[in-house]
Amino acid sequence: MPNEKLRCGELIKRIGDVFETNANKNLQENGITLSQMKMLVVLYHTADGSAMLKELEQHFGSSQATIAGIASRLERKGLVESYIDAADRRIKHVRLSEAGKQLCCRSKSSMEAGEAWLLAALEPQEQQELQRLLQKVYDHL
């Protein structure tokens, strides 16, 4: 239904689905998913390239099992390394490997292109306004 007026929540969901499908298709050549790439990018932007699994759970709002599964798959691919905290053996850390750092560097332009593709229908001022409004909604949650 091309002229169907959808509610904001449905629009955001559908846009997110299309964006995720497109991103996963582009990331497939690297053998990773968007969820995995998001974790790599978060680690890339930390001071030492590492984080506790608990921090990643909180950052993504995901369960321990989901985050541990993503980290485990990335470790099998050689993109991260996991280790136990020396002071508290109950705490597990994940650190970006050299291969993970290189993948993040190579993928930066692809991520920027994906964002540009998503916003191509908007003028630059509209893009800034959309970013501002979405951030405002997110911050309120």
C-alpha atoms as a PDB file:
ATOM      1  CA  MET A   1       0.000   0.000   0.000  1.00  0.00           C
ATOM      2  CA  PRO A   2       2.214   2.839  -1.284  1.00  0.00           C
ATOM      3  CA  ASN A   3       0.239   5.777   0.134  1.00  0.00           C
ATOM      4  CA  GLU A   4      -0.426   4.139   3.474  1.00  0.00           C
ATOM      5  CA  LYS A   5       0.065   6.469   6.455  1.00  0.00           C
ATOM      6  CA  LEU A   6       1.995   4.547   9.090  1.00  0.00           C
ATOM      7  CA  ARG A   7       2.524   5.435  12.724  1.00  0.00           C
ATOM      8  CA  CYS A   8       5.978   6.587  13.806  1.00  0.00           C
ATOM      9  CA  GLY A   9       6.787   3.348  15.635  1.00  0.00           C
ATOM     10  CA  GLU A  10       5.946   1.268  12.584  1.00  0.00           C
ATOM     11  CA  LEU A  11       7.964   3.566  10.310  1.00  0.00           C
ATOM     12  CA  ILE A  12      10.991   3.357  12.583  1.00  0.00           C
ATOM     13  CA  LYS A  13      10.667  -0.449  12.735  1.00  0.00           C
ATOM     14  CA  ARG A  14      10.365  -0.835   8.967  1.00  0.00           C
ATOM     15  CA  ILE A  15      13.237   1.552   8.266  1.00  0.00           C
ATOM     16  CA  GLY A  16      15.369  -0.325  10.803  1.00  0.00           C
ATOM     17  CA  ASP A  17      14.519  -3.652   9.190  1.00  0.00           C
ATOM     18  CA  VAL A  18      15.468  -2.411   5.705  1.00  0.00           C
ATOM     19  CA  PHE A  19      18.680  -0.847   7.044  1.00  0.00           C
ATOM     20  CA  GLU A  20      19.638  -4.049   8.895  1.00  0.00           C
ATOM     21  CA  THR A  21      18.940  -6.230   5.846  1.00  0.00           C
ATOM     22  CA  ASN A  22      21.050  -3.975   3.629  1.00  0.00           C
ATOM     23  CA  ALA A  23      23.880  -3.789   6.193  1.00  0.00           C
ATOM     24  CA  ASN A  24      23.906  -7.577   6.680  1.00  0.00           C
ATOM     25  CA  LYS A  25      24.066  -8.053   2.913  1.00  0.00           C
ATOM     26  CA  ASN A  26      27.074  -5.719   2.702  1.00  0.00           C
ATOM     27  CA  LEU A  27      28.797  -7.271   5.725  1.00  0.00           C
ATOM     28  CA  GLN A  28      28.311 -10.798   4.394  1.00  0.00           C
ATOM     29  CA  GLU A  29      31.537 -10.517   2.375  1.00  0.00           C
ATOM     30  CA  ASN A  30      33.397 -10.161   5.688  1.00  0.00           C
ATOM     31  CA  GLY A  31      31.514 -13.113   7.177  1.00  0.00           C
ATOM     32  CA  ILE A  32      29.897 -11.084   9.957  1.00  0.00           C
ATOM     33  CA  THR A  33      26.486  -9.663  10.828  1.00  0.00           C
ATOM     34  CA  LEU A  34      25.410  -6.156  11.777  1.00  0.00           C
ATOM     35  CA  SER A  35      25.123  -7.205  15.427  1.00  0.00           C
ATOM     36  CA  GLN A  36      28.699  -8.464  15.368  1.00  0.00           C
ATOM     37  CA  MET A  37      29.923  -5.311  13.637  1.00  0.00           C
ATOM     38  CA  LYS A  38      28.194  -3.149  16.247  1.00  0.00           C
ATOM     39  CA  MET A  39      30.127  -4.936  18.992  1.00  0.00           C
ATOM     40  CA  LEU A  40      33.407  -4.489  17.120  1.00  0.00           C
ATOM     41  CA  VAL A  41      32.722  -0.761  16.687  1.00  0.00           C
ATOM     42  CA  VAL A  42      31.916  -0.321  20.388  1.00  0.00           C
ATOM     43  CA  LEU A  43      35.179  -2.061  21.312  1.00  0.00           C
ATOM     44  CA  TYR A  44      37.070  -0.002  18.715  1.00  0.00           C
ATOM     45  CA  HIS A  45      35.904   3.207  20.391  1.00  0.00           C
ATOM     46  CA  THR A  46      36.970   2.218  23.922  1.00  0.00           C
ATOM     47  CA  ALA A  47      40.277   3.513  25.239  1.00  0.00           C
ATOM     48  CA  ASP A  48      41.999   0.109  25.227  1.00  0.00           C
ATOM     49  CA  GLY A  49      39.787  -1.770  22.753  1.00  0.00           C
ATOM     50  CA  SER A  50      38.201  -3.882  25.465  1.00  0.00           C
ATOM     51  CA  ALA A  51      35.098  -4.089  27.640  1.00  0.00           C
ATOM     52  CA  MET A  52      33.540  -6.385  30.201  1.00  0.00           C
ATOM     53  CA  LEU A  53      30.702  -8.531  28.868  1.00  0.00           C
ATOM     54  CA  LYS A  54      28.479  -6.949  31.537  1.00  0.00           C
ATOM     55  CA  GLU A  55      29.218  -3.481  30.096  1.00  0.00           C
ATOM     56  CA  LEU A  56      28.313  -4.699  26.608  1.00  0.00           C
ATOM     57  CA  GLU A  57      25.061  -6.189  27.912  1.00  0.00           C
ATOM     58  CA  GLN A  58      24.127  -2.810  29.395  1.00  0.00           C
ATOM     59  CA  HIS A  59      25.236  -0.854  26.338  1.00  0.00           C
ATOM     60  CA  PHE A  60      23.173  -2.951  23.919  1.00  0.00           C
ATOM     61  CA  GLY A  61      20.316  -3.683  26.315  1.00  0.00           C
ATOM     62  CA  SER A  62      20.721  -7.378  25.517  1.00  0.00           C
ATOM     63  CA  SER A  63      20.854 -10.516  27.606  1.00  0.00           C
ATOM     64  CA  GLN A  64      24.053 -12.106  28.838  1.00  0.00           C
ATOM     65  CA  ALA A  65      23.469 -15.086  26.551  1.00  0.00           C
ATOM     66  CA  THR A  66      23.069 -12.892  23.458  1.00  0.00           C
ATOM     67  CA  ILE A  67      26.215 -10.853  24.130  1.00  0.00           C
ATOM     68  CA  ALA A  68      28.244 -13.930  25.068  1.00  0.00           C
ATOM     69  CA  GLY A  69      27.095 -15.617  21.846  1.00  0.00           C
ATOM     70  CA  ILE A  70      28.114 -12.656  19.687  1.00  0.00           C
ATOM     71  CA  ALA A  71      31.477 -12.424  21.453  1.00  0.00           C
ATOM     72  CA  SER A  72      32.046 -16.165  21.056  1.00  0.00           C
ATOM     73  CA  ARG A  73      31.358 -16.058  17.301  1.00  0.00           C
ATOM     74  CA  LEU A  74      33.673 -13.065  16.902  1.00  0.00           C
ATOM     75  CA  GLU A  75      36.366 -14.884  18.865  1.00  0.00           C
ATOM     76  CA  ARG A  76      36.083 -17.949  16.596  1.00  0.00           C
ATOM     77  CA  LYS A  77      36.601 -15.608  13.638  1.00  0.00           C
ATOM     78  CA  GLY A  78      39.712 -14.132  15.265  1.00  0.00           C
ATOM     79  CA  LEU A  79      38.230 -10.637  15.568  1.00  0.00           C
ATOM     80  CA  VAL A  80      38.202 -10.489  19.387  1.00  0.00           C
ATOM     81  CA  GLU A  81      39.960 -12.208  22.262  1.00  0.00           C
ATOM     82  CA  SER A  82      38.334 -12.953  25.594  1.00  0.00           C
ATOM     83  CA  TYR A  83      40.029 -13.125  28.959  1.00  0.00           C
ATOM     84  CA  ILE A  84      39.114 -13.423  32.629  1.00  0.00           C
ATOM     85  CA  ASP A  85      39.662 -10.464  34.948  1.00  0.00           C
ATOM     86  CA  ALA A  86      42.778 -11.031  37.055  1.00  0.00           C
ATOM     87  CA  ALA A  87      41.182  -9.440  40.139  1.00  0.00           C
ATOM     88  CA  ASP A  88      37.795 -11.167  39.857  1.00  0.00           C
ATOM     89  CA  ARG A  89      37.571 -14.446  37.956  1.00  0.00           C
ATOM     90  CA  ARG A  90      33.787 -14.054  37.582  1.00  0.00           C
ATOM     91  CA  ILE A  91      34.302 -11.135  35.181  1.00  0.00           C
ATOM     92  CA  LYS A  92      34.943 -11.809  31.509  1.00  0.00           C
ATOM     93  CA  HIS A  93      36.444  -9.212  29.181  1.00  0.00           C
ATOM     94  CA  VAL A  94      36.478  -9.018  25.398  1.00  0.00           C
ATOM     95  CA  ARG A  95      39.285  -7.260  23.548  1.00  0.00           C
ATOM     96  CA  LEU A  96      39.486  -6.312  19.890  1.00  0.00           C
ATOM     97  CA  SER A  97      42.185  -8.283  18.077  1.00  0.00           C
ATOM     98  CA  GLU A  98      44.427  -6.765  15.432  1.00  0.00           C
ATOM     99  CA  ALA A  99      42.238  -8.360  12.755  1.00  0.00           C
ATOM    100  CA  GLY A 100      39.168  -6.796  14.417  1.00  0.00           C
ATOM    101  CA  LYS A 101      40.816  -3.364  14.417  1.00  0.00           C
ATOM    102  CA  GLN A 102      41.671  -3.723  10.735  1.00  0.00           C
ATOM    103  CA  LEU A 103      38.111  -4.749   9.891  1.00  0.00           C
ATOM    104  CA  CYS A 104      36.740  -1.699  11.722  1.00  0.00           C
ATOM    105  CA  CYS A 105      39.093   0.583   9.792  1.00  0.00           C
ATOM    106  CA  ARG A 106      38.156  -1.011   6.448  1.00  0.00           C
ATOM    107  CA  SER A 107      34.435  -0.884   7.249  1.00  0.00           C
ATOM    108  CA  LYS A 108      34.282   2.773   8.271  1.00  0.00           C
ATOM    109  CA  SER A 109      33.582   4.039   4.764  1.00  0.00           C
ATOM    110  CA  SER A 110      30.947   1.322   4.204  1.00  0.00           C
ATOM    111  CA  MET A 111      29.158   2.341   7.409  1.00  0.00           C
ATOM    112  CA  GLU A 112      29.237   5.986   6.348  1.00  0.00           C
ATOM    113  CA  ALA A 113      27.877   4.998   2.918  1.00  0.00           C
ATOM    114  CA  GLY A 114      25.056   3.052   4.596  1.00  0.00           C
ATOM    115  CA  GLU A 115      24.113   6.094   6.658  1.00  0.00           C
ATOM    116  CA  ALA A 116      24.213   8.294   3.556  1.00  0.00           C
ATOM    117  CA  TRP A 117      22.027   5.765   1.680  1.00  0.00           C
ATOM    118  CA  LEU A 118      19.513   5.794   4.534  1.00  0.00           C
ATOM    119  CA  LEU A 119      19.291   9.596   4.565  1.00  0.00           C
ATOM    120  CA  ALA A 120      19.562  10.238   0.809  1.00  0.00           C
ATOM    121  CA  ALA A 121      15.943  11.417   0.501  1.00  0.00           C
ATOM    122  CA  LEU A 122      16.571  14.282   2.953  1.00  0.00           C
ATOM    123  CA  GLU A 123      18.251  17.654   2.563  1.00  0.00           C
ATOM    124  CA  PRO A 124      21.280  18.232   4.859  1.00  0.00           C
ATOM    125  CA  GLN A 125      19.214  20.391   7.245  1.00  0.00           C
ATOM    126  CA  GLU A 126      16.515  17.716   7.367  1.00  0.00           C
ATOM    127  CA  GLN A 127      19.141  15.073   8.122  1.00  0.00           C
ATOM    128  CA  GLN A 128      20.387  17.122  11.079  1.00  0.00           C
ATOM    129  CA  GLU A 129      16.838  17.691  12.300  1.00  0.00           C
ATOM    130  CA  LEU A 130      16.000  13.984  12.031  1.00  0.00           C
ATOM    131  CA  GLN A 131      19.160  13.122  13.987  1.00  0.00           C
ATOM    132  CA  ARG A 132      18.269  15.695  16.639  1.00  0.00           C
ATOM    133  CA  LEU A 133      14.669  14.484  16.986  1.00  0.00           C
ATOM    134  CA  LEU A 134      15.571  10.790  17.078  1.00  0.00           C
ATOM    135  CA  GLN A 135      18.232  11.491  19.725  1.00  0.00           C
ATOM    136  CA  LYS A 136      15.688  13.447  21.761  1.00  0.00           C
ATOM    137  CA  VAL A 137      13.204  10.557  21.616  1.00  0.00           C
ATOM    138  CA  TYR A 138      15.925   8.032  22.492  1.00  0.00           C
ATOM    139  CA  ASP A 139      17.219  10.122  25.405  1.00  0.00           C
ATOM    140  CA  HIS A 140      13.688  10.328  26.794  1.00  0.00           C
ATOM    141  CA  LEU A 141      13.371   6.529  26.875  1.00  0.00           C
END
